[in-house]
Amino acid sequence: METRVAVIAILVEDNSQTEKLNAILHEYGKYILGRMGIPYRERGINIISIALDAPQDVINTLGGKIGKIPGVTAKTVYSKN
């Protein structure tokens, strides 16, 4: 199956949701190339980027699951090839 490289940018504004977010990311761990998290304490948010190499439907599903978590926003950017 053809895969694509993508990055999901995640903003966590409700820190009580991090356990739910981490459970979802663990579920898709085999597709994750890397993860970077930045706590922005002055604003009370966490900024996370997830690099993936996965089939497009898997990336879409992951982004959708993350986006449904209250207090969490996610946007996906895909490579052109």
PDB file of N, CA and C in Angstrom:
ATOM      1  N   MET A   1       0.842  -1.174   0.000  1.00  0.00           N
ATOM      2  CA  MET A   1       0.000   0.000   0.000  1.00  0.00           C
ATOM      3  C   MET A   1       0.889   1.239   0.000  1.00  0.00           C
ATOM      4  N   GLU A   2       0.511   2.213  -0.809  1.00  0.00           N
ATOM      5  CA  GLU A   2       1.288   3.447  -0.926  1.00  0.00           C
ATOM      6  C   GLU A   2       1.134   4.300   0.333  1.00  0.00           C
ATOM      7  N   THR A   3       2.248   4.877   0.761  1.00  0.00           N
ATOM      8  CA  THR A   3       2.214   5.727   1.944  1.00  0.00           C
ATOM      9  C   THR A   3       2.592   7.153   1.578  1.00  0.00           C
ATOM     10  N   ARG A   4       2.280   8.058   2.480  1.00  0.00           N
ATOM     11  CA  ARG A   4       2.645   9.465   2.316  1.00  0.00           C
ATOM     12  C   ARG A   4       3.318   9.941   3.593  1.00  0.00           C
ATOM     13  N   VAL A   5       4.142  10.940   3.433  1.00  0.00           N
ATOM     14  CA  VAL A   5       4.760  11.591   4.586  1.00  0.00           C
ATOM     15  C   VAL A   5       3.902  12.798   4.938  1.00  0.00           C
ATOM     16  N   ALA A   6       3.636  12.954   6.228  1.00  0.00           N
ATOM     17  CA  ALA A   6       2.801  14.066   6.693  1.00  0.00           C
ATOM     18  C   ALA A   6       3.256  14.509   8.069  1.00  0.00           C
ATOM     19  N   VAL A   7       2.834  15.702   8.434  1.00  0.00           N
ATOM     20  CA  VAL A   7       3.056  16.232   9.771  1.00  0.00           C
ATOM     21  C   VAL A   7       1.714  16.679  10.320  1.00  0.00           C
ATOM     22  N   ILE A   8       1.415  16.254  11.535  1.00  0.00           N
ATOM     23  CA  ILE A   8       0.208  16.724  12.204  1.00  0.00           C
ATOM     24  C   ILE A   8       0.642  17.702  13.285  1.00  0.00           C
ATOM     25  N   ALA A   9       0.136  18.926  13.203  1.00  0.00           N
ATOM     26  CA  ALA A   9       0.381  19.946  14.224  1.00  0.00           C
ATOM     27  C   ALA A   9      -0.777  19.889  15.214  1.00  0.00           C
ATOM     28  N   ILE A  10      -0.443  19.790  16.488  1.00  0.00           N
ATOM     29  CA  ILE A  10      -1.452  19.619  17.531  1.00  0.00           C
ATOM     30  C   ILE A  10      -1.276  20.707  18.588  1.00  0.00           C
ATOM     31  N   LEU A  11      -2.377  21.366  18.947  1.00  0.00           N
ATOM     32  CA  LEU A  11      -2.381  22.319  20.051  1.00  0.00           C
ATOM     33  C   LEU A  11      -3.266  21.758  21.145  1.00  0.00           C
ATOM     34  N   VAL A  12      -2.698  21.588  22.321  1.00  0.00           N
ATOM     35  CA  VAL A  12      -3.437  21.058  23.461  1.00  0.00           C
ATOM     36  C   VAL A  12      -3.698  22.218  24.423  1.00  0.00           C
ATOM     37  N   GLU A  13      -4.951  22.650  24.493  1.00  0.00           N
ATOM     38  CA  GLU A  13      -5.318  23.756  25.370  1.00  0.00           C
ATOM     39  C   GLU A  13      -5.944  23.268  26.675  1.00  0.00           C
ATOM     40  N   ASP A  14      -6.328  22.001  26.722  1.00  0.00           N
ATOM     41  CA  ASP A  14      -6.877  21.391  27.935  1.00  0.00           C
ATOM     42  C   ASP A  14      -5.967  20.242  28.343  1.00  0.00           C
ATOM     43  N   ASN A  15      -5.081  20.512  29.299  1.00  0.00           N
ATOM     44  CA  ASN A  15      -4.074  19.517  29.687  1.00  0.00           C
ATOM     45  C   ASN A  15      -4.668  18.254  30.285  1.00  0.00           C
ATOM     46  N   SER A  16      -5.916  18.279  30.692  1.00  0.00           N
ATOM     47  CA  SER A  16      -6.536  17.064  31.224  1.00  0.00           C
ATOM     48  C   SER A  16      -6.788  16.039  30.114  1.00  0.00           C
ATOM     49  N   GLN A  17      -6.624  16.436  28.862  1.00  0.00           N
ATOM     50  CA  GLN A  17      -6.863  15.543  27.719  1.00  0.00           C
ATOM     51  C   GLN A  17      -5.595  14.854  27.223  1.00  0.00           C
ATOM     52  N   THR A  18      -4.458  15.108  27.858  1.00  0.00           N
ATOM     53  CA  THR A  18      -3.199  14.547  27.347  1.00  0.00           C
ATOM     54  C   THR A  18      -3.162  13.022  27.414  1.00  0.00           C
ATOM     55  N   GLU A  19      -3.789  12.438  28.420  1.00  0.00           N
ATOM     56  CA  GLU A  19      -3.796  10.973  28.513  1.00  0.00           C
ATOM     57  C   GLU A  19      -4.549  10.360  27.332  1.00  0.00           C
ATOM     58  N   LYS A  20      -5.668  10.971  26.972  1.00  0.00           N
ATOM     59  CA  LYS A  20      -6.454  10.497  25.831  1.00  0.00           C
ATOM     60  C   LYS A  20      -5.655  10.651  24.528  1.00  0.00           C
ATOM     61  N   LEU A  21      -4.986  11.788  24.371  1.00  0.00           N
ATOM     62  CA  LEU A  21      -4.158  12.038  23.191  1.00  0.00           C
ATOM     63  C   LEU A  21      -3.026  11.031  23.104  1.00  0.00           C
ATOM     64  N   ASN A  22      -2.323  10.808  24.198  1.00  0.00           N
ATOM     65  CA  ASN A  22      -1.204   9.858  24.193  1.00  0.00           C
ATOM     66  C   ASN A  22      -1.660   8.438  23.880  1.00  0.00           C
ATOM     67  N   ALA A  23      -2.853   8.053  24.324  1.00  0.00           N
ATOM     68  CA  ALA A  23      -3.375   6.718  24.014  1.00  0.00           C
ATOM     69  C   ALA A  23      -3.599   6.570  22.507  1.00  0.00           C
ATOM     70  N   ILE A  24      -4.131   7.606  21.877  1.00  0.00           N
ATOM     71  CA  ILE A  24      -4.354   7.564  20.426  1.00  0.00           C
ATOM     72  C   ILE A  24      -3.015   7.496  19.688  1.00  0.00           C
ATOM     73  N   LEU A  25      -2.062   8.314  20.101  1.00  0.00           N
ATOM     74  CA  LEU A  25      -0.755   8.308  19.444  1.00  0.00           C
ATOM     75  C   LEU A  25      -0.062   6.960  19.614  1.00  0.00           C
ATOM     76  N   HIS A  26      -0.203   6.349  20.769  1.00  0.00           N
ATOM     77  CA  HIS A  26       0.381   5.025  21.000  1.00  0.00           C
ATOM     78  C   HIS A  26      -0.237   3.991  20.043  1.00  0.00           C
ATOM     79  N   GLU A  27      -1.528   4.110  19.813  1.00  0.00           N
ATOM     80  CA  GLU A  27      -2.240   3.194  18.908  1.00  0.00           C
ATOM     81  C   GLU A  27      -1.676   3.260  17.483  1.00  0.00           C
ATOM     82  N   TYR A  28      -1.202   4.438  17.064  1.00  0.00           N
ATOM     83  CA  TYR A  28      -0.673   4.637  15.714  1.00  0.00           C
ATOM     84  C   TYR A  28       0.853   4.705  15.696  1.00  0.00           C
ATOM     85  N   GLY A  29       1.483   4.237  16.763  1.00  0.00           N
ATOM     86  CA  GLY A  29       2.927   4.349  16.924  1.00  0.00           C
ATOM     87  C   GLY A  29       3.759   3.787  15.794  1.00  0.00           C
ATOM     88  N   LYS A  30       3.286   2.737  15.129  1.00  0.00           N
ATOM     89  CA  LYS A  30       4.105   2.133  14.067  1.00  0.00           C
ATOM     90  C   LYS A  30       4.255   3.048  12.849  1.00  0.00           C
ATOM     91  N   TYR A  31       3.407   4.072  12.744  1.00  0.00           N
ATOM     92  CA  TYR A  31       3.491   5.006  11.621  1.00  0.00           C
ATOM     93  C   TYR A  31       4.247   6.293  11.972  1.00  0.00           C
ATOM     94  N   ILE A  32       4.519   6.506  13.249  1.00  0.00           N
ATOM     95  CA  ILE A  32       5.117   7.763  13.691  1.00  0.00           C
ATOM     96  C   ILE A  32       6.637   7.706  13.537  1.00  0.00           C
ATOM     97  N   LEU A  33       7.177   8.673  12.787  1.00  0.00           N
ATOM     98  CA  LEU A  33       8.622   8.788  12.581  1.00  0.00           C
ATOM     99  C   LEU A  33       9.269   9.548  13.736  1.00  0.00           C
ATOM    100  N   GLY A  34       8.570  10.543  14.239  1.00  0.00           N
ATOM    101  CA  GLY A  34       9.114  11.348  15.323  1.00  0.00           C
ATOM    102  C   GLY A  34       8.047  12.255  15.901  1.00  0.00           C
ATOM    103  N   ARG A  35       8.346  12.741  17.101  1.00  0.00           N
ATOM    104  CA  ARG A  35       7.391  13.579  17.820  1.00  0.00           C
ATOM    105  C   ARG A  35       8.172  14.652  18.567  1.00  0.00           C
ATOM    106  N   MET A  36       7.656  15.880  18.508  1.00  0.00           N
ATOM    107  CA  MET A  36       8.275  16.966  19.254  1.00  0.00           C
ATOM    108  C   MET A  36       7.185  17.695  20.028  1.00  0.00           C
ATOM    109  N   GLY A  37       7.419  17.901  21.300  1.00  0.00           N
ATOM    110  CA  GLY A  37       6.462  18.620  22.123  1.00  0.00           C
ATOM    111  C   GLY A  37       7.096  19.826  22.776  1.00  0.00           C
ATOM    112  N   ILE A  38       6.372  20.935  22.768  1.00  0.00           N
ATOM    113  CA  ILE A  38       6.860  22.173  23.371  1.00  0.00           C
ATOM    114  C   ILE A  38       5.805  22.678  24.345  1.00  0.00           C
ATOM    115  N   PRO A  39       6.116  22.698  25.632  1.00  0.00           N
ATOM    116  CA  PRO A  39       5.168  23.282  26.585  1.00  0.00           C
ATOM    117  C   PRO A  39       5.294  24.814  26.554  1.00  0.00           C
ATOM    118  N   TYR A  40       4.209  25.492  26.311  1.00  0.00           N
ATOM    119  CA  TYR A  40       4.197  26.959  26.297  1.00  0.00           C
ATOM    120  C   TYR A  40       3.504  27.398  27.583  1.00  0.00           C
ATOM    121  N   ARG A  41       4.263  27.424  28.651  1.00  0.00           N
ATOM    122  CA  ARG A  41       3.712  27.640  29.990  1.00  0.00           C
ATOM    123  C   ARG A  41       3.036  28.998  30.150  1.00  0.00           C
ATOM    124  N   GLU A  42       3.584  30.020  29.505  1.00  0.00           N
ATOM    125  CA  GLU A  42       3.006  31.365  29.625  1.00  0.00           C
ATOM    126  C   GLU A  42       1.561  31.415  29.116  1.00  0.00           C
ATOM    127  N   ARG A  43       1.250  30.575  28.139  1.00  0.00           N
ATOM    128  CA  ARG A  43      -0.096  30.533  27.569  1.00  0.00           C
ATOM    129  C   ARG A  43      -0.908  29.338  28.045  1.00  0.00           C
ATOM    130  N   GLY A  44      -0.259  28.426  28.767  1.00  0.00           N
ATOM    131  CA  GLY A  44      -0.949  27.260  29.285  1.00  0.00           C
ATOM    132  C   GLY A  44      -1.351  26.252  28.215  1.00  0.00           C
ATOM    133  N   ILE A  45      -0.562  26.174  27.129  1.00  0.00           N
ATOM    134  CA  ILE A  45      -0.854  25.214  26.062  1.00  0.00           C
ATOM    135  C   ILE A  45       0.394  24.384  25.760  1.00  0.00           C
ATOM    136  N   ASN A  46       0.185  23.275  25.083  1.00  0.00           N
ATOM    137  CA  ASN A  46       1.276  22.434  24.597  1.00  0.00           C
ATOM    138  C   ASN A  46       1.190  22.377  23.081  1.00  0.00           C
ATOM    139  N   ILE A  47       2.332  22.493  22.432  1.00  0.00           N
ATOM    140  CA  ILE A  47       2.430  22.446  20.981  1.00  0.00           C
ATOM    141  C   ILE A  47       3.161  21.157  20.632  1.00  0.00           C
ATOM    142  N   ILE A  48       2.520  20.318  19.831  1.00  0.00           N
ATOM    143  CA  ILE A  48       3.096  19.013  19.489  1.00  0.00           C
ATOM    144  C   ILE A  48       3.096  18.859  17.978  1.00  0.00           C
ATOM    145  N   SER A  49       4.193  18.346  17.431  1.00  0.00           N
ATOM    146  CA  SER A  49       4.213  17.990  16.017  1.00  0.00           C
ATOM    147  C   SER A  49       4.554  16.506  15.902  1.00  0.00           C
ATOM    148  N   ILE A  50       3.829  15.829  15.021  1.00  0.00           N
ATOM    149  CA  ILE A  50       3.994  14.401  14.796  1.00  0.00           C
ATOM    150  C   ILE A  50       4.338  14.198  13.318  1.00  0.00           C
ATOM    151  N   ALA A  51       5.493  13.592  13.032  1.00  0.00           N
ATOM    152  CA  ALA A  51       5.878  13.255  11.661  1.00  0.00           C
ATOM    153  C   ALA A  51       5.481  11.805  11.405  1.00  0.00           C
ATOM    154  N   LEU A  52       4.820  11.570  10.265  1.00  0.00           N
ATOM    155  CA  LEU A  52       4.283  10.246   9.939  1.00  0.00           C
ATOM    156  C   LEU A  52       4.680   9.799   8.550  1.00  0.00           C
ATOM    157  N   ASP A  53       4.739   8.491   8.355  1.00  0.00           N
ATOM    158  CA  ASP A  53       4.807   7.872   7.034  1.00  0.00           C
ATOM    159  C   ASP A  53       3.772   6.752   7.075  1.00  0.00           C
ATOM    160  N   ALA A  54       2.624   6.995   6.416  1.00  0.00           N
ATOM    161  CA  ALA A  54       1.491   6.078   6.537  1.00  0.00           C
ATOM    162  C   ALA A  54       0.575   6.217   5.332  1.00  0.00           C
ATOM    163  N   PRO A  55      -0.306   5.238   5.116  1.00  0.00           N
ATOM    164  CA  PRO A  55      -1.326   5.393   4.081  1.00  0.00           C
ATOM    165  C   PRO A  55      -2.198   6.608   4.397  1.00  0.00           C
ATOM    166  N   GLN A  56      -2.682   7.258   3.359  1.00  0.00           N
ATOM    167  CA  GLN A  56      -3.445   8.493   3.562  1.00  0.00           C
ATOM    168  C   GLN A  56      -4.672   8.282   4.448  1.00  0.00           C
ATOM    169  N   ASP A  57      -5.353   7.156   4.311  1.00  0.00           N
ATOM    170  CA  ASP A  57      -6.541   6.934   5.139  1.00  0.00           C
ATOM    171  C   ASP A  57      -6.177   6.804   6.614  1.00  0.00           C
ATOM    172  N   VAL A  58      -5.016   6.257   6.913  1.00  0.00           N
ATOM    173  CA  VAL A  58      -4.559   6.154   8.302  1.00  0.00           C
ATOM    174  C   VAL A  58      -4.265   7.553   8.859  1.00  0.00           C
ATOM    175  N   ILE A  59      -3.596   8.379   8.062  1.00  0.00           N
ATOM    176  CA  ILE A  59      -3.291   9.754   8.487  1.00  0.00           C
ATOM    177  C   ILE A  59      -4.581  10.527   8.733  1.00  0.00           C
ATOM    178  N   ASN A  60      -5.535  10.400   7.815  1.00  0.00           N
ATOM    179  CA  ASN A  60      -6.816  11.091   7.973  1.00  0.00           C
ATOM    180  C   ASN A  60      -7.549  10.634   9.222  1.00  0.00           C
ATOM    181  N   THR A  61      -7.549   9.346   9.466  1.00  0.00           N
ATOM    182  CA  THR A  61      -8.228   8.799  10.646  1.00  0.00           C
ATOM    183  C   THR A  61      -7.574   9.294  11.927  1.00  0.00           C
ATOM    184  N   LEU A  62      -6.245   9.275  11.974  1.00  0.00           N
ATOM    185  CA  LEU A  62      -5.531   9.749  13.150  1.00  0.00           C
ATOM    186  C   LEU A  62      -5.829  11.224  13.406  1.00  0.00           C
ATOM    187  N   GLY A  63      -5.735  12.042  12.380  1.00  0.00           N
ATOM    188  CA  GLY A  63      -6.032  13.462  12.536  1.00  0.00           C
ATOM    189  C   GLY A  63      -7.455  13.707  13.001  1.00  0.00           C
ATOM    190  N   GLY A  64      -8.395  12.922  12.477  1.00  0.00           N
ATOM    191  CA  GLY A  64      -9.787  13.054  12.885  1.00  0.00           C
ATOM    192  C   GLY A  64     -10.004  12.682  14.334  1.00  0.00           C
ATOM    193  N   LYS A  65      -9.376  11.592  14.773  1.00  0.00           N
ATOM    194  CA  LYS A  65      -9.506  11.170  16.174  1.00  0.00           C
ATOM    195  C   LYS A  65      -8.937  12.220  17.122  1.00  0.00           C
ATOM    196  N   ILE A  66      -7.792  12.768  16.758  1.00  0.00           N
ATOM    197  CA  ILE A  66      -7.172  13.790  17.598  1.00  0.00           C
ATOM    198  C   ILE A  66      -8.056  15.034  17.646  1.00  0.00           C
ATOM    199  N   GLY A  67      -8.577  15.431  16.497  1.00  0.00           N
ATOM    200  CA  GLY A  67      -9.409  16.632  16.414  1.00  0.00           C
ATOM    201  C   GLY A  67     -10.718  16.529  17.180  1.00  0.00           C
ATOM    202  N   LYS A  68     -11.172  15.321  17.475  1.00  0.00           N
ATOM    203  CA  LYS A  68     -12.419  15.141  18.225  1.00  0.00           C
ATOM    204  C   LYS A  68     -12.230  15.238  19.736  1.00  0.00           C
ATOM    205  N   ILE A  69     -10.993  15.288  20.189  1.00  0.00           N
ATOM    206  CA  ILE A  69     -10.735  15.404  21.625  1.00  0.00           C
ATOM    207  C   ILE A  69     -11.038  16.853  22.039  1.00  0.00           C
ATOM    208  N   PRO A  70     -11.891  17.045  23.032  1.00  0.00           N
ATOM    209  CA  PRO A  70     -12.185  18.411  23.492  1.00  0.00           C
ATOM    210  C   PRO A  70     -10.923  19.112  23.990  1.00  0.00           C
ATOM    211  N   GLY A  71     -10.757  20.367  23.593  1.00  0.00           N
ATOM    212  CA  GLY A  71      -9.595  21.129  24.033  1.00  0.00           C
ATOM    213  C   GLY A  71      -8.335  20.857  23.252  1.00  0.00           C
ATOM    214  N   VAL A  72      -8.455  20.104  22.149  1.00  0.00           N
ATOM    215  CA  VAL A  72      -7.304  19.759  21.307  1.00  0.00           C
ATOM    216  C   VAL A  72      -7.635  20.111  19.856  1.00  0.00           C
ATOM    217  N   THR A  73      -6.702  20.762  19.176  1.00  0.00           N
ATOM    218  CA  THR A  73      -6.862  21.130  17.766  1.00  0.00           C
ATOM    219  C   THR A  73      -5.746  20.451  16.973  1.00  0.00           C
ATOM    220  N   ALA A  74      -6.083  19.930  15.788  1.00  0.00           N
ATOM    221  CA  ALA A  74      -5.072  19.284  14.946  1.00  0.00           C
ATOM    222  C   ALA A  74      -5.252  19.676  13.489  1.00  0.00           C
ATOM    223  N   LYS A  75      -4.151  19.915  12.811  1.00  0.00           N
ATOM    224  CA  LYS A  75      -4.132  20.191  11.370  1.00  0.00           C
ATOM    225  C   LYS A  75      -3.026  19.358  10.752  1.00  0.00           C
ATOM    226  N   THR A  76      -3.277  18.848   9.547  1.00  0.00           N
ATOM    227  CA  THR A  76      -2.338  17.951   8.869  1.00  0.00           C
ATOM    228  C   THR A  76      -1.801  18.608   7.607  1.00  0.00           C
ATOM    229  N   VAL A  77      -0.492  18.428   7.375  1.00  0.00           N
ATOM    230  CA  VAL A  77       0.163  18.886   6.156  1.00  0.00           C
ATOM    231  C   VAL A  77       0.804  17.668   5.511  1.00  0.00           C
ATOM    232  N   TYR A  78       0.571  17.491   4.202  1.00  0.00           N
ATOM    233  CA  TYR A  78       1.076  16.328   3.464  1.00  0.00           C
ATOM    234  C   TYR A  78       2.219  16.719   2.538  1.00  0.00           C
ATOM    235  N   SER A  79       3.143  15.771   2.336  1.00  0.00           N
ATOM    236  CA  SER A  79       4.180  15.960   1.332  1.00  0.00           C
ATOM    237  C   SER A  79       3.538  15.854  -0.053  1.00  0.00           C
ATOM    238  N   LYS A  80       4.200  16.394  -1.055  1.00  0.00           N
ATOM    239  CA  LYS A  80       3.632  16.340  -2.407  1.00  0.00           C
ATOM    240  C   LYS A  80       3.811  14.988  -3.066  1.00  0.00           C
ATOM    241  N   ASN A  81       4.769  14.174  -2.589  1.00  0.00           N
ATOM    242  CA  ASN A  81       4.982  12.868  -3.197  1.00  0.00           C
ATOM    243  C   ASN A  81       4.985  11.780  -2.159  1.00  0.00           C
TER     244      ASN A  81
END
